[in-house]
């Protein structure tokens, strides 16, 4: 019937749209956002790729190289958000709210994403979103730089 054909075409279009969206994040394309990750256990093999994160005046800890800074900070019980509103209504690492702003004092991290450039356009270049920043080497960061 005509209704079943329309339903089939609609499902086909949704599947095709999903495939195009997946292609946008293939290895050949740079994503606009870094996806939020879940906590990872550190294995003995991965300990060879450990880097040091020093949150000035708060805590120093080790994490895996290429770990997202937000994940590393939360896994190590470092307070990240400014207010109760930030704690309750943050974007969970989606790069959309700006509540996880930190200042990179020194160290090696990935370049700013498009989301960071948009949300931090009026901030110094050293300001970063922890959810969009991957730690590539030992780093020193200042938490809540606007406080």
C-alpha atoms as a PDB file:
ATOM      1  CA  UNK A   1       0.000   0.000   0.000  1.00  0.00           C
ATOM      2  CA  UNK A   2       0.986   3.625  -0.350  1.00  0.00           C
ATOM      3  CA  UNK A   3       1.316   4.071   3.425  1.00  0.00           C
ATOM      4  CA  UNK A   4       3.812   1.197   3.793  1.00  0.00           C
ATOM      5  CA  UNK A   5       5.893   2.580   0.897  1.00  0.00           C
ATOM      6  CA  UNK A   6       6.010   6.001   2.573  1.00  0.00           C
ATOM      7  CA  UNK A   7       7.010   4.390   5.884  1.00  0.00           C
ATOM      8  CA  UNK A   8       9.778   2.393   4.173  1.00  0.00           C
ATOM      9  CA  UNK A   9      11.094   5.489   2.383  1.00  0.00           C
ATOM     10  CA  UNK A  10      11.036   7.456   5.628  1.00  0.00           C
ATOM     11  CA  UNK A  11      13.046   4.743   7.421  1.00  0.00           C
ATOM     12  CA  UNK A  12      15.500   4.563   4.524  1.00  0.00           C
ATOM     13  CA  UNK A  13      15.989   8.335   4.678  1.00  0.00           C
ATOM     14  CA  UNK A  14      16.629   8.201   8.442  1.00  0.00           C
ATOM     15  CA  UNK A  15      19.189   5.411   8.005  1.00  0.00           C
ATOM     16  CA  UNK A  16      20.917   7.372   5.216  1.00  0.00           C
ATOM     17  CA  UNK A  17      20.932  10.498   7.357  1.00  0.00           C
ATOM     18  CA  UNK A  18      22.492   8.542  10.218  1.00  0.00           C
ATOM     19  CA  UNK A  19      25.194   7.205   7.903  1.00  0.00           C
ATOM     20  CA  UNK A  20      26.019  10.726   6.735  1.00  0.00           C
ATOM     21  CA  UNK A  21      26.239  11.924  10.324  1.00  0.00           C
ATOM     22  CA  UNK A  22      28.598   9.056  11.150  1.00  0.00           C
ATOM     23  CA  UNK A  23      30.773   9.951   8.133  1.00  0.00           C
ATOM     24  CA  UNK A  24      31.120  13.484   9.487  1.00  0.00           C
ATOM     25  CA  UNK A  25      33.116  12.068  12.394  1.00  0.00           C
ATOM     26  CA  UNK A  26      35.321   9.686  10.420  1.00  0.00           C
ATOM     27  CA  UNK A  27      39.078   9.730  10.838  1.00  0.00           C
ATOM     28  CA  UNK A  28      39.463  11.887   7.738  1.00  0.00           C
ATOM     29  CA  UNK A  29      37.364  14.681   9.243  1.00  0.00           C
ATOM     30  CA  UNK A  30      38.075  16.663  12.395  1.00  0.00           C
ATOM     31  CA  UNK A  31      35.016  16.798  14.661  1.00  0.00           C
ATOM     32  CA  UNK A  32      33.737  20.148  15.845  1.00  0.00           C
ATOM     33  CA  UNK A  33      33.307  18.700  19.324  1.00  0.00           C
ATOM     34  CA  UNK A  34      35.151  16.048  21.269  1.00  0.00           C
ATOM     35  CA  UNK A  35      32.658  13.459  22.467  1.00  0.00           C
ATOM     36  CA  UNK A  36      32.183  13.010  26.189  1.00  0.00           C
ATOM     37  CA  UNK A  37      33.774   9.835  27.476  1.00  0.00           C
ATOM     38  CA  UNK A  38      33.203   7.601  30.415  1.00  0.00           C
ATOM     39  CA  UNK A  39      35.817   6.826  33.010  1.00  0.00           C
ATOM     40  CA  UNK A  40      38.479   4.324  32.062  1.00  0.00           C
ATOM     41  CA  UNK A  41      40.420   2.088  34.389  1.00  0.00           C
ATOM     42  CA  UNK A  42      44.181   2.468  34.068  1.00  0.00           C
ATOM     43  CA  UNK A  43      45.904  -0.783  33.155  1.00  0.00           C
ATOM     44  CA  UNK A  44      49.542  -1.730  33.677  1.00  0.00           C
ATOM     45  CA  UNK A  45      50.125  -1.481  29.930  1.00  0.00           C
ATOM     46  CA  UNK A  46      48.604   1.989  29.711  1.00  0.00           C
ATOM     47  CA  UNK A  47      50.666   3.207  32.669  1.00  0.00           C
ATOM     48  CA  UNK A  48      53.506   3.728  30.181  1.00  0.00           C
ATOM     49  CA  UNK A  49      51.425   6.556  28.694  1.00  0.00           C
ATOM     50  CA  UNK A  50      50.749   8.409  31.935  1.00  0.00           C
ATOM     51  CA  UNK A  51      51.078  12.194  32.221  1.00  0.00           C
ATOM     52  CA  UNK A  52      50.930  14.512  35.225  1.00  0.00           C
ATOM     53  CA  UNK A  53      48.136  17.049  35.706  1.00  0.00           C
ATOM     54  CA  UNK A  54      48.685  19.784  38.291  1.00  0.00           C
ATOM     55  CA  UNK A  55      45.587  21.793  39.172  1.00  0.00           C
ATOM     56  CA  UNK A  56      47.202  24.830  40.833  1.00  0.00           C
ATOM     57  CA  UNK A  57      46.581  24.992  44.556  1.00  0.00           C
ATOM     58  CA  UNK A  58      44.208  22.031  44.468  1.00  0.00           C
ATOM     59  CA  UNK A  59      45.691  18.687  43.503  1.00  0.00           C
ATOM     60  CA  UNK A  60      48.281  16.913  41.394  1.00  0.00           C
ATOM     61  CA  UNK A  61      47.477  13.552  39.809  1.00  0.00           C
ATOM     62  CA  UNK A  62      48.361  11.288  36.927  1.00  0.00           C
ATOM     63  CA  UNK A  63      46.143  10.366  33.998  1.00  0.00           C
ATOM     64  CA  UNK A  64      46.494   8.675  30.645  1.00  0.00           C
ATOM     65  CA  UNK A  65      47.947  10.637  27.752  1.00  0.00           C
ATOM     66  CA  UNK A  66      45.148  11.810  25.396  1.00  0.00           C
ATOM     67  CA  UNK A  67      42.574  11.733  28.225  1.00  0.00           C
ATOM     68  CA  UNK A  68      39.972  14.489  28.152  1.00  0.00           C
ATOM     69  CA  UNK A  69      40.854  16.949  30.915  1.00  0.00           C
ATOM     70  CA  UNK A  70      37.276  17.110  32.261  1.00  0.00           C
ATOM     71  CA  UNK A  71      37.169  13.325  32.658  1.00  0.00           C
ATOM     72  CA  UNK A  72      40.560  13.267  34.364  1.00  0.00           C
ATOM     73  CA  UNK A  73      39.595  16.036  36.786  1.00  0.00           C
ATOM     74  CA  UNK A  74      36.247  14.505  37.717  1.00  0.00           C
ATOM     75  CA  UNK A  75      37.778  11.009  38.070  1.00  0.00           C
ATOM     76  CA  UNK A  76      40.291  12.498  40.517  1.00  0.00           C
ATOM     77  CA  UNK A  77      37.634  14.351  42.524  1.00  0.00           C
ATOM     78  CA  UNK A  78      38.742  17.845  41.478  1.00  0.00           C
ATOM     79  CA  UNK A  79      35.945  20.425  41.733  1.00  0.00           C
ATOM     80  CA  UNK A  80      35.377  21.719  38.229  1.00  0.00           C
ATOM     81  CA  UNK A  81      32.232  23.841  38.174  1.00  0.00           C
ATOM     82  CA  UNK A  82      31.734  27.377  39.523  1.00  0.00           C
ATOM     83  CA  UNK A  83      28.210  27.190  40.915  1.00  0.00           C
ATOM     84  CA  UNK A  84      25.442  24.823  41.866  1.00  0.00           C
ATOM     85  CA  UNK A  85      23.811  25.713  38.539  1.00  0.00           C
ATOM     86  CA  UNK A  86      26.994  24.641  36.732  1.00  0.00           C
ATOM     87  CA  UNK A  87      27.096  21.399  38.672  1.00  0.00           C
ATOM     88  CA  UNK A  88      23.453  20.597  37.994  1.00  0.00           C
ATOM     89  CA  UNK A  89      22.950  21.929  34.477  1.00  0.00           C
ATOM     90  CA  UNK A  90      26.263  21.475  32.667  1.00  0.00           C
ATOM     91  CA  UNK A  91      26.301  19.857  29.216  1.00  0.00           C
ATOM     92  CA  UNK A  92      28.137  16.714  30.446  1.00  0.00           C
ATOM     93  CA  UNK A  93      31.142  17.289  28.243  1.00  0.00           C
ATOM     94  CA  UNK A  94      29.392  18.339  25.061  1.00  0.00           C
ATOM     95  CA  UNK A  95      31.217  21.646  24.653  1.00  0.00           C
ATOM     96  CA  UNK A  96      27.995  23.637  24.762  1.00  0.00           C
ATOM     97  CA  UNK A  97      27.834  25.445  28.112  1.00  0.00           C
ATOM     98  CA  UNK A  98      31.286  26.747  29.070  1.00  0.00           C
ATOM     99  CA  UNK A  99      30.978  25.822  32.754  1.00  0.00           C
ATOM    100  CA  UNK A 100      34.190  23.752  32.753  1.00  0.00           C
ATOM    101  CA  UNK A 101      36.480  26.656  31.830  1.00  0.00           C
ATOM    102  CA  UNK A 102      40.083  26.305  32.967  1.00  0.00           C
ATOM    103  CA  UNK A 103      43.279  28.207  32.236  1.00  0.00           C
ATOM    104  CA  UNK A 104      46.231  26.349  30.758  1.00  0.00           C
ATOM    105  CA  UNK A 105      49.270  27.675  32.628  1.00  0.00           C
ATOM    106  CA  UNK A 106      51.708  25.408  30.826  1.00  0.00           C
ATOM    107  CA  UNK A 107      51.858  22.059  29.134  1.00  0.00           C
ATOM    108  CA  UNK A 108      50.920  20.172  26.016  1.00  0.00           C
ATOM    109  CA  UNK A 109      47.247  19.827  25.054  1.00  0.00           C
ATOM    110  CA  UNK A 110      45.265  19.562  21.833  1.00  0.00           C
ATOM    111  CA  UNK A 111      44.388  22.745  19.889  1.00  0.00           C
ATOM    112  CA  UNK A 112      41.122  24.567  20.576  1.00  0.00           C
ATOM    113  CA  UNK A 113      38.005  23.124  18.955  1.00  0.00           C
ATOM    114  CA  UNK A 114      35.416  25.160  17.052  1.00  0.00           C
ATOM    115  CA  UNK A 115      33.162  24.956  20.135  1.00  0.00           C
ATOM    116  CA  UNK A 116      35.905  26.484  22.294  1.00  0.00           C
ATOM    117  CA  UNK A 117      36.584  29.234  19.782  1.00  0.00           C
ATOM    118  CA  UNK A 118      32.896  30.115  19.861  1.00  0.00           C
ATOM    119  CA  UNK A 119      32.331  29.965  23.639  1.00  0.00           C
ATOM    120  CA  UNK A 120      35.684  31.506  24.609  1.00  0.00           C
ATOM    121  CA  UNK A 121      35.894  34.172  21.902  1.00  0.00           C
ATOM    122  CA  UNK A 122      36.329  36.996  24.443  1.00  0.00           C
ATOM    123  CA  UNK A 123      38.718  35.089  26.707  1.00  0.00           C
ATOM    124  CA  UNK A 124      42.510  34.879  26.621  1.00  0.00           C
ATOM    125  CA  UNK A 125      43.983  32.121  24.399  1.00  0.00           C
ATOM    126  CA  UNK A 126      45.101  30.250  27.519  1.00  0.00           C
ATOM    127  CA  UNK A 127      41.465  29.667  28.576  1.00  0.00           C
ATOM    128  CA  UNK A 128      40.144  26.269  27.588  1.00  0.00           C
ATOM    129  CA  UNK A 129      37.067  24.098  28.092  1.00  0.00           C
ATOM    130  CA  UNK A 130      38.142  21.036  30.084  1.00  0.00           C
ATOM    131  CA  UNK A 131      35.613  18.910  28.182  1.00  0.00           C
ATOM    132  CA  UNK A 132      37.223  19.769  24.836  1.00  0.00           C
ATOM    133  CA  UNK A 133      40.883  19.584  25.887  1.00  0.00           C
ATOM    134  CA  UNK A 134      42.903  16.383  25.608  1.00  0.00           C
ATOM    135  CA  UNK A 135      46.025  16.141  27.746  1.00  0.00           C
ATOM    136  CA  UNK A 136      49.000  15.269  25.526  1.00  0.00           C
ATOM    137  CA  UNK A 137      51.782  15.739  28.109  1.00  0.00           C
ATOM    138  CA  UNK A 138      52.356  17.062  31.619  1.00  0.00           C
ATOM    139  CA  UNK A 139      50.178  20.127  32.255  1.00  0.00           C
ATOM    140  CA  UNK A 140      49.523  22.794  34.859  1.00  0.00           C
ATOM    141  CA  UNK A 141      46.015  24.264  34.848  1.00  0.00           C
ATOM    142  CA  UNK A 142      44.228  26.865  36.931  1.00  0.00           C
ATOM    143  CA  UNK A 143      40.700  25.859  37.837  1.00  0.00           C
ATOM    144  CA  UNK A 144      37.896  28.464  37.698  1.00  0.00           C
ATOM    145  CA  UNK A 145      40.085  31.233  36.216  1.00  0.00           C
ATOM    146  CA  UNK A 146      37.267  33.822  36.300  1.00  0.00           C
ATOM    147  CA  UNK A 147      36.581  33.376  40.024  1.00  0.00           C
END
